[in-house]
Each structure stands twice: as C-alpha cells, then as structure tokens.
C-alpha cells in the first residue's frame, strides 16, 4: 500500500478533514447569512471556502449531501453544548440552563439560528428543519411525560409540538429584530413559558 507522506507536518487524513471543515463553514456562511443565495452552487461553495472543485467532491457527492452534512454538523455541536448545560443543572433549573445555552450560542453566532430555525428556500435544508422539529418534540414530550409519570398520548404529543414550535417561532422573531428583548430577557421569557407547561392536564389522555 502506498503511504502518503505528511505535507508540512500534516498527514493526508488531517488535510482532508481540514478542507471538509472549511467547506462546512462556507455552507454555514452562505445558508445562514442574512440573505440566502437564490441558488446554491458548488462553485459558490468552493469560492467561499477558497478551495477548488475537486476538493468538494473529495468529501461530498453532491449539493444535497453537502447541505445535509452542514445541518448535521451545526445541529450536532449545538445539541452537545445544550445537553451538557442541561445535564449539569439541577432538575428545576434545566429549562433555564437549556434556554440560556441555546440563546447564548445563537447570540454569539447569528448564522446558527438563521440556519437552523429560519425559513430557508433550500429544499434539503427545509426538510432537515422539519425533521429536527419533529424529533425535538418527541424528545421533549418523552422527557416531560416521564418526569410527570403519565403515559404518552396524542395530548402530550400536541403539547410537545406546541412547546417546540413556540420556542422556534420566538427565536426566529427575535433574530429578525421584531422582539426588543435582551438576551437575558429572552431566556427569562422562554424559561417562564416552558416552566408553565408542566401542568399534568396538558399531558394526560
């Protein structure tokens, strides 16, 4: 087997990983920016990343796979950070810990919020957003019903979708500048809303 020697101290696998990361960052820049490009092209992605076309196809087969990979990468990082904050908090403070971590991440990098929750024209991105919303509602409903000791039902599912959809809509409105709340005020409001959604009657069949 032919071995590829390190280039400037960086081996081949690490160079591929670095180029992939540059492409993912470019995807977040383009699809999470204030203005979404009318049509995403491979040339546009490579131009933003400062790489040639062959390096795009080194990591991705097409644009759809690329967009899905960007979404999974951004969501994975955000989910890991938020879950770590929630797990480290006392039970009664977990809603606040989760919302504080989420809003802090979005406030630090507005691209993340626009990419994950704002309506986007890209069909793959829109599908991934819908799938993620459904997954978050399932997880939220499961956590709450287990905490309350009630079985899952259509009422609990409806409540979970309402909670997740509400948070997404509020964050989206805040990002658009239509809510004049500070970061801390937004966290307070979201926490209060979620804390008041633990009434067992909302989840009982």
N, C-alpha and C. Protein backbone atom coordinates (compact mmCIF):
# COMPACT_ATOMS: atom_id res chain seq x y z
N UNK A 1 0.85 -1.19 0.00
CA UNK A 1 0.00 0.00 0.00
C UNK A 1 0.89 1.24 0.00
N UNK A 2 0.57 2.19 -0.86
CA UNK A 2 1.35 3.41 -0.94
C UNK A 2 0.98 4.33 0.21
N UNK A 3 1.98 4.81 0.91
CA UNK A 3 1.74 5.70 2.03
C UNK A 3 1.94 7.15 1.57
N UNK A 4 0.99 8.02 1.96
CA UNK A 4 1.10 9.44 1.63
C UNK A 4 1.84 10.13 2.76
N UNK A 5 2.95 10.78 2.39
CA UNK A 5 3.75 11.44 3.41
C UNK A 5 3.08 12.72 3.91
N UNK A 6 3.34 13.10 5.15
CA UNK A 6 2.79 14.35 5.67
C UNK A 6 3.27 15.53 4.84
N UNK A 7 2.40 16.52 4.68
CA UNK A 7 2.74 17.74 3.97
C UNK A 7 2.78 18.86 4.99
N UNK A 8 3.98 19.44 5.17
CA UNK A 8 4.18 20.49 6.18
C UNK A 8 3.73 20.02 7.56
N UNK A 9 4.00 18.77 7.86
CA UNK A 9 3.69 18.22 9.17
C UNK A 9 2.27 17.77 9.37
N UNK A 10 1.42 17.85 8.32
CA UNK A 10 0.02 17.46 8.44
C UNK A 10 -0.23 16.26 7.54
N UNK A 11 -0.74 15.16 8.10
CA UNK A 11 -0.93 13.97 7.27
C UNK A 11 -2.16 14.11 6.39
N UNK A 12 -2.32 13.19 5.45
CA UNK A 12 -3.36 13.30 4.42
C UNK A 12 -4.76 13.33 5.02
N UNK A 13 -5.03 12.47 6.01
CA UNK A 13 -6.37 12.42 6.61
C UNK A 13 -6.72 13.74 7.28
N UNK A 14 -5.73 14.32 7.96
CA UNK A 14 -5.98 15.60 8.62
C UNK A 14 -6.20 16.72 7.60
N UNK A 15 -5.51 16.66 6.48
CA UNK A 15 -5.71 17.69 5.45
C UNK A 15 -7.12 17.58 4.85
N UNK A 16 -7.58 16.35 4.64
CA UNK A 16 -8.94 16.15 4.14
C UNK A 16 -9.94 16.71 5.15
N UNK A 17 -9.74 16.42 6.43
CA UNK A 17 -10.64 16.89 7.48
C UNK A 17 -10.66 18.42 7.54
N UNK A 18 -9.49 19.03 7.37
CA UNK A 18 -9.41 20.49 7.40
C UNK A 18 -10.16 21.10 6.22
N UNK A 19 -10.01 20.49 5.05
CA UNK A 19 -10.71 21.01 3.88
C UNK A 19 -12.22 20.83 4.03
N UNK A 20 -12.62 19.69 4.56
CA UNK A 20 -14.05 19.45 4.80
C UNK A 20 -14.60 20.49 5.75
N UNK A 21 -13.86 20.81 6.79
CA UNK A 21 -14.30 21.81 7.76
C UNK A 21 -14.45 23.19 7.09
N UNK A 22 -13.53 23.53 6.22
CA UNK A 22 -13.63 24.81 5.50
C UNK A 22 -14.87 24.86 4.62
N UNK A 23 -15.20 23.74 4.00
CA UNK A 23 -16.40 23.68 3.17
C UNK A 23 -17.67 23.79 4.03
N UNK A 24 -17.69 23.12 5.16
CA UNK A 24 -18.84 23.21 6.06
C UNK A 24 -19.03 24.64 6.56
N UNK A 25 -17.95 25.28 6.92
CA UNK A 25 -18.01 26.69 7.36
C UNK A 25 -18.56 27.56 6.24
N UNK A 26 -18.13 27.29 5.01
CA UNK A 26 -18.62 28.06 3.87
C UNK A 26 -20.13 27.85 3.70
N UNK A 27 -20.58 26.62 3.90
CA UNK A 27 -22.01 26.34 3.80
C UNK A 27 -22.81 27.11 4.84
N UNK A 28 -22.28 27.20 6.06
CA UNK A 28 -22.95 27.96 7.11
C UNK A 28 -22.95 29.44 6.78
N UNK A 29 -21.85 29.93 6.23
CA UNK A 29 -21.80 31.34 5.81
C UNK A 29 -22.86 31.65 4.76
N UNK A 30 -22.99 30.77 3.78
CA UNK A 30 -23.88 31.02 2.66
C UNK A 30 -25.36 30.82 3.03
N UNK A 31 -25.66 29.74 3.74
CA UNK A 31 -27.05 29.41 4.04
C UNK A 31 -27.54 30.00 5.36
N UNK A 32 -26.61 30.47 6.18
CA UNK A 32 -27.00 31.07 7.46
C UNK A 32 -26.80 32.57 7.48
N UNK A 33 -26.47 33.14 6.33
CA UNK A 33 -26.27 34.57 6.25
C UNK A 33 -27.58 35.33 6.25
N UNK A 34 -27.54 36.67 6.39
CA UNK A 34 -28.76 37.48 6.38
C UNK A 34 -29.57 37.31 5.10
N UNK A 35 -28.87 37.09 3.98
CA UNK A 35 -29.54 36.90 2.70
C UNK A 35 -29.11 35.57 2.11
N UNK A 36 -30.07 34.67 1.92
CA UNK A 36 -29.76 33.35 1.36
C UNK A 36 -29.56 33.47 -0.15
N UNK A 37 -28.52 32.84 -0.70
CA UNK A 37 -28.33 32.90 -2.15
C UNK A 37 -29.51 32.27 -2.89
N UNK A 38 -29.95 32.88 -4.00
CA UNK A 38 -31.10 32.33 -4.74
C UNK A 38 -30.87 30.91 -5.23
N UNK A 39 -29.63 30.58 -5.53
CA UNK A 39 -29.29 29.22 -5.95
C UNK A 39 -27.90 28.88 -5.45
N UNK A 40 -27.81 27.84 -4.66
CA UNK A 40 -26.52 27.40 -4.14
C UNK A 40 -25.82 26.54 -5.19
N UNK A 41 -24.58 26.87 -5.52
CA UNK A 41 -23.82 26.08 -6.49
C UNK A 41 -22.52 25.59 -5.86
N UNK A 42 -21.97 24.54 -6.45
CA UNK A 42 -20.71 24.01 -5.95
C UNK A 42 -19.60 25.04 -6.12
N UNK A 43 -19.61 25.76 -7.24
CA UNK A 43 -18.60 26.80 -7.45
C UNK A 43 -18.69 27.90 -6.39
N UNK A 44 -19.92 28.24 -6.03
CA UNK A 44 -20.12 29.25 -4.99
C UNK A 44 -19.55 28.77 -3.65
N UNK A 45 -19.83 27.51 -3.33
CA UNK A 45 -19.34 26.94 -2.07
C UNK A 45 -17.82 26.93 -2.04
N UNK A 46 -17.22 26.45 -3.13
CA UNK A 46 -15.77 26.37 -3.20
C UNK A 46 -15.13 27.75 -3.17
N UNK A 47 -15.76 28.72 -3.84
CA UNK A 47 -15.24 30.08 -3.83
C UNK A 47 -15.23 30.65 -2.43
N UNK A 48 -16.30 30.39 -1.68
CA UNK A 48 -16.38 30.88 -0.31
C UNK A 48 -15.36 30.20 0.59
N UNK A 49 -15.10 28.92 0.32
CA UNK A 49 -14.14 28.15 1.13
C UNK A 49 -12.70 28.37 0.70
N UNK A 50 -12.51 28.96 -0.49
CA UNK A 50 -11.16 29.15 -1.00
C UNK A 50 -10.52 27.85 -1.45
N UNK A 51 -11.34 26.94 -1.99
CA UNK A 51 -10.86 25.64 -2.45
C UNK A 51 -11.30 25.39 -3.88
N UNK A 52 -10.62 24.50 -4.57
CA UNK A 52 -11.00 24.14 -5.94
C UNK A 52 -12.10 23.09 -5.92
N UNK A 53 -12.74 22.89 -7.07
CA UNK A 53 -13.88 21.98 -7.16
C UNK A 53 -13.54 20.56 -6.74
N UNK A 54 -12.34 20.10 -7.07
CA UNK A 54 -12.02 18.71 -6.77
C UNK A 54 -12.04 18.42 -5.28
N UNK A 55 -11.79 19.44 -4.48
CA UNK A 55 -11.81 19.21 -3.03
C UNK A 55 -13.23 19.10 -2.50
N UNK A 56 -14.20 19.69 -3.19
CA UNK A 56 -15.60 19.49 -2.79
C UNK A 56 -15.97 18.02 -2.96
N UNK A 57 -15.64 17.47 -4.13
CA UNK A 57 -16.02 16.08 -4.42
C UNK A 57 -15.14 15.07 -3.69
N UNK A 58 -14.12 15.55 -3.03
CA UNK A 58 -13.31 14.71 -2.16
C UNK A 58 -14.12 14.29 -0.93
N UNK A 59 -15.07 15.16 -0.51
CA UNK A 59 -15.84 14.90 0.71
C UNK A 59 -17.33 14.71 0.48
N UNK A 60 -17.87 15.22 -0.64
CA UNK A 60 -19.31 15.18 -0.86
C UNK A 60 -19.62 14.75 -2.30
N UNK A 61 -20.70 14.01 -2.46
CA UNK A 61 -21.07 13.56 -3.81
C UNK A 61 -21.86 14.63 -4.57
N UNK A 62 -22.65 15.43 -3.82
CA UNK A 62 -23.44 16.48 -4.49
C UNK A 62 -23.86 17.53 -3.47
N UNK A 63 -24.61 18.53 -3.94
CA UNK A 63 -25.02 19.63 -3.07
C UNK A 63 -25.97 19.17 -1.97
N UNK A 64 -26.87 18.26 -2.29
CA UNK A 64 -27.82 17.80 -1.29
C UNK A 64 -27.12 17.14 -0.11
N UNK A 65 -26.16 16.29 -0.41
CA UNK A 65 -25.40 15.65 0.67
C UNK A 65 -24.64 16.70 1.47
N UNK A 66 -24.12 17.70 0.77
CA UNK A 66 -23.37 18.77 1.43
C UNK A 66 -24.26 19.55 2.40
N UNK A 67 -25.43 19.98 1.94
CA UNK A 67 -26.33 20.76 2.79
C UNK A 67 -26.74 19.95 4.02
N UNK A 68 -27.05 18.67 3.83
CA UNK A 68 -27.42 17.81 4.95
C UNK A 68 -26.26 17.69 5.93
N UNK A 69 -25.04 17.60 5.42
CA UNK A 69 -23.86 17.48 6.29
C UNK A 69 -23.64 18.76 7.09
N UNK A 70 -23.84 19.91 6.47
CA UNK A 70 -23.71 21.18 7.19
C UNK A 70 -24.73 21.24 8.32
N UNK A 71 -25.97 20.87 8.02
CA UNK A 71 -27.03 20.90 9.03
C UNK A 71 -26.68 19.98 10.20
N UNK A 72 -26.29 18.75 9.91
CA UNK A 72 -25.97 17.79 10.96
C UNK A 72 -24.80 18.27 11.80
N UNK A 73 -23.83 18.90 11.16
CA UNK A 73 -22.65 19.41 11.87
C UNK A 73 -23.03 20.53 12.82
N UNK A 74 -23.80 21.50 12.34
CA UNK A 74 -24.21 22.63 13.16
C UNK A 74 -25.12 22.17 14.30
N UNK A 75 -26.11 21.35 13.98
CA UNK A 75 -27.04 20.87 15.00
C UNK A 75 -26.34 20.00 16.02
N UNK A 76 -25.40 19.17 15.57
CA UNK A 76 -24.68 18.29 16.50
C UNK A 76 -23.91 19.08 17.54
N UNK A 77 -23.21 20.13 17.09
CA UNK A 77 -22.46 20.96 18.03
C UNK A 77 -23.39 21.67 19.01
N UNK A 78 -24.49 22.21 18.49
CA UNK A 78 -25.43 22.94 19.34
C UNK A 78 -26.10 22.00 20.34
N UNK A 79 -26.49 20.83 19.88
CA UNK A 79 -27.15 19.86 20.76
C UNK A 79 -26.22 19.39 21.87
N UNK A 80 -24.95 19.16 21.53
CA UNK A 80 -23.99 18.70 22.53
C UNK A 80 -23.77 19.76 23.61
N UNK A 81 -23.65 21.01 23.18
CA UNK A 81 -23.44 22.11 24.13
C UNK A 81 -24.65 22.30 25.03
N UNK A 82 -25.84 22.27 24.43
CA UNK A 82 -27.07 22.47 25.20
C UNK A 82 -27.32 21.32 26.16
N UNK A 83 -27.11 20.08 25.70
CA UNK A 83 -27.33 18.92 26.55
C UNK A 83 -26.37 18.90 27.72
N UNK A 84 -25.14 19.32 27.49
CA UNK A 84 -24.16 19.38 28.58
C UNK A 84 -24.61 20.37 29.65
N UNK A 85 -25.14 21.51 29.22
CA UNK A 85 -25.62 22.52 30.16
C UNK A 85 -26.82 22.00 30.94
N UNK A 86 -27.73 21.33 30.26
CA UNK A 86 -28.93 20.78 30.91
C UNK A 86 -28.55 19.70 31.92
N UNK A 87 -27.67 18.80 31.53
CA UNK A 87 -27.28 17.69 32.39
C UNK A 87 -26.57 18.17 33.66
N UNK A 88 -25.87 19.29 33.56
CA UNK A 88 -25.11 19.81 34.71
C UNK A 88 -25.98 20.61 35.68
N UNK A 89 -27.22 20.91 35.28
CA UNK A 89 -28.08 21.76 36.10
C UNK A 89 -28.99 20.93 37.00
N UNK A 90 -29.38 21.49 38.16
CA UNK A 90 -30.38 20.82 39.00
C UNK A 90 -31.68 20.66 38.21
N UNK A 91 -32.51 19.71 38.59
CA UNK A 91 -33.72 19.38 37.84
C UNK A 91 -34.60 20.61 37.59
N UNK A 92 -34.80 21.42 38.63
CA UNK A 92 -35.69 22.56 38.50
C UNK A 92 -35.09 23.69 37.65
N UNK A 93 -33.81 23.64 37.39
CA UNK A 93 -33.15 24.70 36.62
C UNK A 93 -32.82 24.27 35.19
N UNK A 94 -33.29 23.10 34.80
CA UNK A 94 -32.87 22.57 33.49
C UNK A 94 -33.47 23.34 32.32
N UNK A 95 -34.70 23.81 32.44
CA UNK A 95 -35.27 24.62 31.35
C UNK A 95 -34.44 25.88 31.15
N UNK A 96 -34.10 26.55 32.24
CA UNK A 96 -33.30 27.77 32.13
C UNK A 96 -31.91 27.48 31.58
N UNK A 97 -31.30 26.39 32.04
CA UNK A 97 -29.96 26.04 31.57
C UNK A 97 -29.97 25.77 30.07
N UNK A 98 -30.99 25.04 29.61
CA UNK A 98 -31.08 24.73 28.19
C UNK A 98 -31.32 25.96 27.34
N UNK A 99 -32.25 26.82 27.77
CA UNK A 99 -32.55 28.03 27.01
C UNK A 99 -31.36 29.00 27.03
N UNK A 100 -30.68 29.11 28.16
CA UNK A 100 -29.53 30.01 28.25
C UNK A 100 -28.42 29.55 27.31
N UNK A 101 -28.16 28.26 27.28
CA UNK A 101 -27.12 27.73 26.39
C UNK A 101 -27.49 27.94 24.94
N UNK A 102 -28.75 27.65 24.60
CA UNK A 102 -29.23 27.80 23.23
C UNK A 102 -29.14 29.25 22.76
N UNK A 103 -29.67 30.17 23.54
CA UNK A 103 -29.69 31.58 23.14
C UNK A 103 -28.28 32.16 23.12
N UNK A 104 -27.43 31.74 24.05
CA UNK A 104 -26.05 32.23 24.05
C UNK A 104 -25.34 31.81 22.76
N UNK A 105 -25.54 30.57 22.34
CA UNK A 105 -24.90 30.10 21.11
C UNK A 105 -25.38 30.89 19.90
N UNK A 106 -26.70 31.13 19.84
CA UNK A 106 -27.27 31.86 18.71
C UNK A 106 -26.85 33.32 18.72
N UNK A 107 -26.81 33.91 19.93
CA UNK A 107 -26.42 35.31 20.03
C UNK A 107 -24.95 35.50 19.65
N UNK A 108 -24.13 34.51 19.97
CA UNK A 108 -22.71 34.58 19.64
C UNK A 108 -22.49 34.45 18.14
N UNK A 109 -23.29 33.62 17.48
CA UNK A 109 -23.17 33.38 16.04
C UNK A 109 -24.57 33.31 15.44
N UNK A 110 -25.06 34.45 14.93
CA UNK A 110 -26.43 34.52 14.41
C UNK A 110 -26.65 33.58 13.23
N UNK A 111 -25.57 33.17 12.55
CA UNK A 111 -25.72 32.23 11.44
C UNK A 111 -26.39 30.95 11.89
N UNK A 112 -26.09 30.52 13.12
CA UNK A 112 -26.62 29.25 13.62
C UNK A 112 -28.14 29.30 13.71
N UNK A 113 -28.66 30.37 14.29
CA UNK A 113 -30.10 30.49 14.42
C UNK A 113 -30.80 30.59 13.09
N UNK A 114 -30.26 31.44 12.20
CA UNK A 114 -30.89 31.58 10.89
C UNK A 114 -30.87 30.26 10.13
N UNK A 115 -29.79 29.53 10.25
CA UNK A 115 -29.63 28.27 9.52
C UNK A 115 -30.56 27.19 10.06
N UNK A 116 -30.68 27.10 11.38
CA UNK A 116 -31.43 26.00 11.98
C UNK A 116 -32.93 26.25 12.08
N UNK A 117 -33.35 27.50 12.29
CA UNK A 117 -34.77 27.72 12.57
C UNK A 117 -35.48 28.66 11.59
N UNK A 118 -34.74 29.54 10.91
CA UNK A 118 -35.40 30.46 9.99
C UNK A 118 -35.80 29.75 8.71
N UNK A 119 -36.89 30.18 8.11
CA UNK A 119 -37.35 29.57 6.87
C UNK A 119 -36.32 29.80 5.77
N UNK A 120 -35.94 28.74 5.09
CA UNK A 120 -34.94 28.83 4.03
C UNK A 120 -35.52 28.22 2.76
N UNK A 121 -35.08 28.74 1.62
CA UNK A 121 -35.61 28.27 0.33
C UNK A 121 -35.05 26.91 -0.07
N UNK A 122 -33.85 26.57 0.40
CA UNK A 122 -33.23 25.30 0.02
C UNK A 122 -34.09 24.13 0.49
N UNK A 123 -34.46 23.25 -0.43
CA UNK A 123 -35.39 22.16 -0.13
C UNK A 123 -34.81 21.18 0.89
N UNK A 124 -33.54 20.85 0.77
CA UNK A 124 -32.92 19.91 1.71
C UNK A 124 -32.89 20.51 3.11
N UNK A 125 -32.54 21.78 3.20
CA UNK A 125 -32.49 22.45 4.49
C UNK A 125 -33.87 22.53 5.13
N UNK A 126 -34.88 22.84 4.33
CA UNK A 126 -36.25 22.90 4.84
C UNK A 126 -36.69 21.54 5.38
N UNK A 127 -36.32 20.47 4.66
CA UNK A 127 -36.68 19.12 5.10
C UNK A 127 -35.98 18.77 6.41
N UNK A 128 -34.70 19.11 6.51
CA UNK A 128 -33.94 18.81 7.73
C UNK A 128 -34.50 19.59 8.92
N UNK A 129 -34.92 20.83 8.69
CA UNK A 129 -35.51 21.62 9.76
C UNK A 129 -36.80 20.97 10.26
N UNK A 130 -37.63 20.51 9.33
CA UNK A 130 -38.90 19.86 9.71
C UNK A 130 -38.63 18.57 10.48
N UNK A 131 -37.70 17.78 10.02
CA UNK A 131 -37.36 16.52 10.70
C UNK A 131 -36.84 16.78 12.10
N UNK A 132 -36.03 17.82 12.25
CA UNK A 132 -35.46 18.14 13.56
C UNK A 132 -36.54 18.62 14.51
N UNK A 133 -37.48 19.42 14.01
CA UNK A 133 -38.58 19.88 14.85
C UNK A 133 -39.40 18.72 15.38
N UNK A 134 -39.67 17.75 14.53
CA UNK A 134 -40.43 16.57 14.94
C UNK A 134 -39.67 15.76 15.98
N UNK A 135 -38.35 15.62 15.77
CA UNK A 135 -37.52 14.86 16.71
C UNK A 135 -37.47 15.55 18.07
N UNK A 136 -37.28 16.88 18.07
CA UNK A 136 -37.21 17.62 19.33
C UNK A 136 -38.53 17.53 20.09
N UNK A 137 -39.64 17.58 19.36
CA UNK A 137 -40.95 17.46 20.01
C UNK A 137 -41.10 16.08 20.65
N UNK A 138 -40.63 15.04 19.97
CA UNK A 138 -40.70 13.69 20.52
C UNK A 138 -39.87 13.57 21.80
N UNK A 139 -38.66 14.11 21.76
CA UNK A 139 -37.77 14.04 22.92
C UNK A 139 -38.33 14.86 24.08
N UNK A 140 -38.82 16.06 23.77
CA UNK A 140 -39.39 16.91 24.81
C UNK A 140 -40.60 16.22 25.46
N UNK A 141 -41.49 15.69 24.63
CA UNK A 141 -42.67 15.02 25.16
C UNK A 141 -42.32 13.82 26.02
N UNK A 142 -41.33 13.06 25.58
CA UNK A 142 -40.91 11.88 26.35
C UNK A 142 -40.34 12.28 27.71
N UNK A 143 -39.50 13.32 27.73
CA UNK A 143 -38.89 13.77 28.99
C UNK A 143 -39.95 14.27 29.97
N UNK A 144 -40.92 15.04 29.46
CA UNK A 144 -41.93 15.60 30.35
C UNK A 144 -42.87 14.52 30.87
N UNK A 145 -43.33 13.62 30.00
CA UNK A 145 -44.25 12.58 30.46
C UNK A 145 -43.58 11.64 31.46
N UNK A 146 -42.30 11.36 31.24
CA UNK A 146 -41.58 10.52 32.20
C UNK A 146 -41.43 11.23 33.54
N UNK A 147 -41.14 12.54 33.49
CA UNK A 147 -40.98 13.31 34.73
C UNK A 147 -42.30 13.41 35.49
N UNK A 148 -43.41 13.51 34.77
CA UNK A 148 -44.72 13.63 35.41
C UNK A 148 -45.33 12.27 35.75
N UNK A 149 -44.77 11.21 35.17
CA UNK A 149 -45.30 9.87 35.43
C UNK A 149 -46.62 9.61 34.74
N UNK A 150 -46.79 10.19 33.54
CA UNK A 150 -48.02 9.97 32.77
C UNK A 150 -47.67 9.32 31.44
N UNK A 151 -48.58 8.51 30.87
CA UNK A 151 -48.28 7.86 29.60
C UNK A 151 -48.33 8.84 28.44
N UNK A 152 -47.62 8.50 27.39
CA UNK A 152 -47.65 9.32 26.18
C UNK A 152 -49.03 9.21 25.54
N UNK A 153 -49.51 10.30 24.98
CA UNK A 153 -50.82 10.33 24.34
C UNK A 153 -50.81 11.38 23.24
N UNK A 154 -51.90 11.46 22.51
CA UNK A 154 -51.99 12.50 21.48
C UNK A 154 -51.99 13.89 22.11
N UNK A 155 -52.52 14.01 23.31
CA UNK A 155 -52.50 15.30 24.01
C UNK A 155 -51.07 15.70 24.35
N UNK A 156 -50.29 14.72 24.82
CA UNK A 156 -48.91 15.04 25.16
C UNK A 156 -48.10 15.37 23.91
N UNK A 157 -48.39 14.68 22.81
CA UNK A 157 -47.71 14.97 21.55
C UNK A 157 -48.04 16.37 21.07
N UNK A 158 -49.31 16.74 21.16
CA UNK A 158 -49.74 18.07 20.73
C UNK A 158 -49.05 19.14 21.58
N UNK A 159 -48.98 18.90 22.88
CA UNK A 159 -48.34 19.87 23.77
C UNK A 159 -46.85 20.00 23.47
N UNK A 160 -46.20 18.89 23.20
CA UNK A 160 -44.77 18.91 22.89
C UNK A 160 -44.50 19.68 21.61
N UNK A 161 -45.32 19.45 20.59
CA UNK A 161 -45.14 20.19 19.33
C UNK A 161 -45.40 21.68 19.54
N UNK A 162 -46.36 22.00 20.38
CA UNK A 162 -46.66 23.40 20.68
C UNK A 162 -45.46 24.05 21.36
N UNK A 163 -44.85 23.35 22.32
CA UNK A 163 -43.71 23.90 23.06
C UNK A 163 -42.52 24.13 22.14
N UNK A 164 -42.16 23.11 21.37
CA UNK A 164 -41.00 23.22 20.48
C UNK A 164 -41.25 24.26 19.38
N UNK A 165 -42.44 24.19 18.78
CA UNK A 165 -42.77 25.15 17.74
C UNK A 165 -42.79 26.57 18.25
N UNK A 166 -43.26 26.75 19.48
CA UNK A 166 -43.29 28.08 20.07
C UNK A 166 -41.90 28.64 20.29
N UNK A 167 -41.01 27.83 20.82
CA UNK A 167 -39.63 28.27 21.03
C UNK A 167 -38.99 28.66 19.70
N UNK A 168 -39.17 27.83 18.69
CA UNK A 168 -38.59 28.11 17.36
C UNK A 168 -39.13 29.43 16.82
N UNK A 169 -40.43 29.66 16.93
CA UNK A 169 -41.03 30.87 16.40
C UNK A 169 -40.54 32.11 17.14
N UNK A 170 -40.42 32.01 18.45
CA UNK A 170 -39.94 33.14 19.25
C UNK A 170 -38.50 33.47 18.90
N UNK A 171 -37.67 32.45 18.80
CA UNK A 171 -36.26 32.68 18.44
C UNK A 171 -36.17 33.28 17.05
N UNK A 172 -36.96 32.79 16.13
CA UNK A 172 -36.96 33.30 14.76
C UNK A 172 -37.37 34.77 14.74
N UNK A 173 -38.40 35.12 15.51
CA UNK A 173 -38.86 36.50 15.58
C UNK A 173 -37.81 37.40 16.20
N UNK A 174 -37.13 36.90 17.22
CA UNK A 174 -36.06 37.65 17.88
C UNK A 174 -34.91 37.91 16.92
N UNK A 175 -34.53 36.88 16.17
CA UNK A 175 -33.44 37.03 15.21
C UNK A 175 -33.78 38.06 14.13
N UNK A 176 -35.05 38.13 13.78
CA UNK A 176 -35.49 39.07 12.74
C UNK A 176 -35.54 40.51 13.26
N UNK A 177 -35.34 40.69 14.57
CA UNK A 177 -35.35 42.02 15.15
C UNK A 177 -36.73 42.53 15.52
N UNK A 178 -37.72 41.62 15.53
CA UNK A 178 -39.09 42.04 15.84
C UNK A 178 -39.44 41.90 17.32
N UNK A 179 -38.50 41.45 18.12
CA UNK A 179 -38.66 41.40 19.58
C UNK A 179 -37.53 42.20 20.21
N UNK A 180 -37.87 43.25 20.93
CA UNK A 180 -36.84 44.09 21.55
C UNK A 180 -36.56 43.59 22.96
N UNK A 181 -36.03 42.37 23.01
CA UNK A 181 -35.64 41.76 24.27
C UNK A 181 -34.14 41.55 24.29
N UNK A 182 -33.54 41.76 25.45
CA UNK A 182 -32.12 41.43 25.58
C UNK A 182 -31.97 39.92 25.62
N UNK A 183 -30.76 39.46 25.52
CA UNK A 183 -30.51 38.02 25.58
C UNK A 183 -31.04 37.43 26.89
N UNK A 184 -30.77 38.10 28.01
CA UNK A 184 -31.23 37.61 29.31
C UNK A 184 -32.75 37.65 29.42
N UNK A 185 -33.35 38.70 28.88
CA UNK A 185 -34.82 38.80 28.92
C UNK A 185 -35.47 37.70 28.09
N UNK A 186 -34.86 37.38 26.96
CA UNK A 186 -35.39 36.30 26.13
C UNK A 186 -35.29 34.96 26.85
N UNK A 187 -34.17 34.70 27.51
CA UNK A 187 -34.01 33.47 28.27
C UNK A 187 -35.05 33.40 29.38
N UNK A 188 -35.26 34.51 30.08
CA UNK A 188 -36.27 34.55 31.15
C UNK A 188 -37.66 34.20 30.62
N UNK A 189 -38.01 34.79 29.47
CA UNK A 189 -39.34 34.58 28.91
C UNK A 189 -39.54 33.13 28.46
N UNK A 190 -38.55 32.58 27.77
CA UNK A 190 -38.64 31.20 27.31
C UNK A 190 -38.70 30.23 28.48
N UNK A 191 -37.90 30.50 29.50
CA UNK A 191 -37.90 29.64 30.69
C UNK A 191 -39.26 29.67 31.38
N UNK A 192 -39.82 30.87 31.52
CA UNK A 192 -41.13 31.00 32.17
C UNK A 192 -42.20 30.25 31.40
N UNK A 193 -42.18 30.36 30.09
CA UNK A 193 -43.16 29.67 29.26
C UNK A 193 -43.05 28.15 29.43
N UNK A 194 -41.82 27.63 29.37
CA UNK A 194 -41.63 26.18 29.49
C UNK A 194 -41.94 25.69 30.90
N UNK A 195 -41.58 26.49 31.91
CA UNK A 195 -41.86 26.09 33.30
C UNK A 195 -43.36 25.99 33.55
N UNK A 196 -44.14 26.75 32.79
CA UNK A 196 -45.59 26.73 32.99
C UNK A 196 -46.28 25.70 32.10
N UNK A 197 -45.50 24.88 31.45
CA UNK A 197 -46.08 23.83 30.60
C UNK A 197 -45.93 22.44 31.22
N UNK A 198 -45.79 22.39 32.53
CA UNK A 198 -45.66 21.11 33.21
C UNK A 198 -46.96 20.70 33.91
N UNK A 199 -48.05 21.40 33.63
CA UNK A 199 -49.35 21.02 34.19
C UNK A 199 -49.73 19.64 33.67
N UNK A 200 -49.91 18.66 34.55
CA UNK A 200 -50.22 17.29 34.09
C UNK A 200 -51.43 17.21 33.18
N UNK A 201 -52.39 18.14 33.30
CA UNK A 201 -53.59 18.12 32.49
C UNK A 201 -53.27 18.31 31.01
N UNK A 202 -52.12 18.92 30.72
CA UNK A 202 -51.73 19.12 29.33
C UNK A 202 -51.26 17.81 28.69
N UNK A 203 -50.92 16.84 29.50
CA UNK A 203 -50.30 15.62 29.00
C UNK A 203 -51.15 14.36 29.21
N UNK A 204 -52.17 14.46 30.07
CA UNK A 204 -52.99 13.28 30.35
C UNK A 204 -53.94 13.00 29.21
N UNK A 205 -54.16 11.72 28.92
CA UNK A 205 -55.10 11.33 27.86
C UNK A 205 -56.53 11.42 28.34
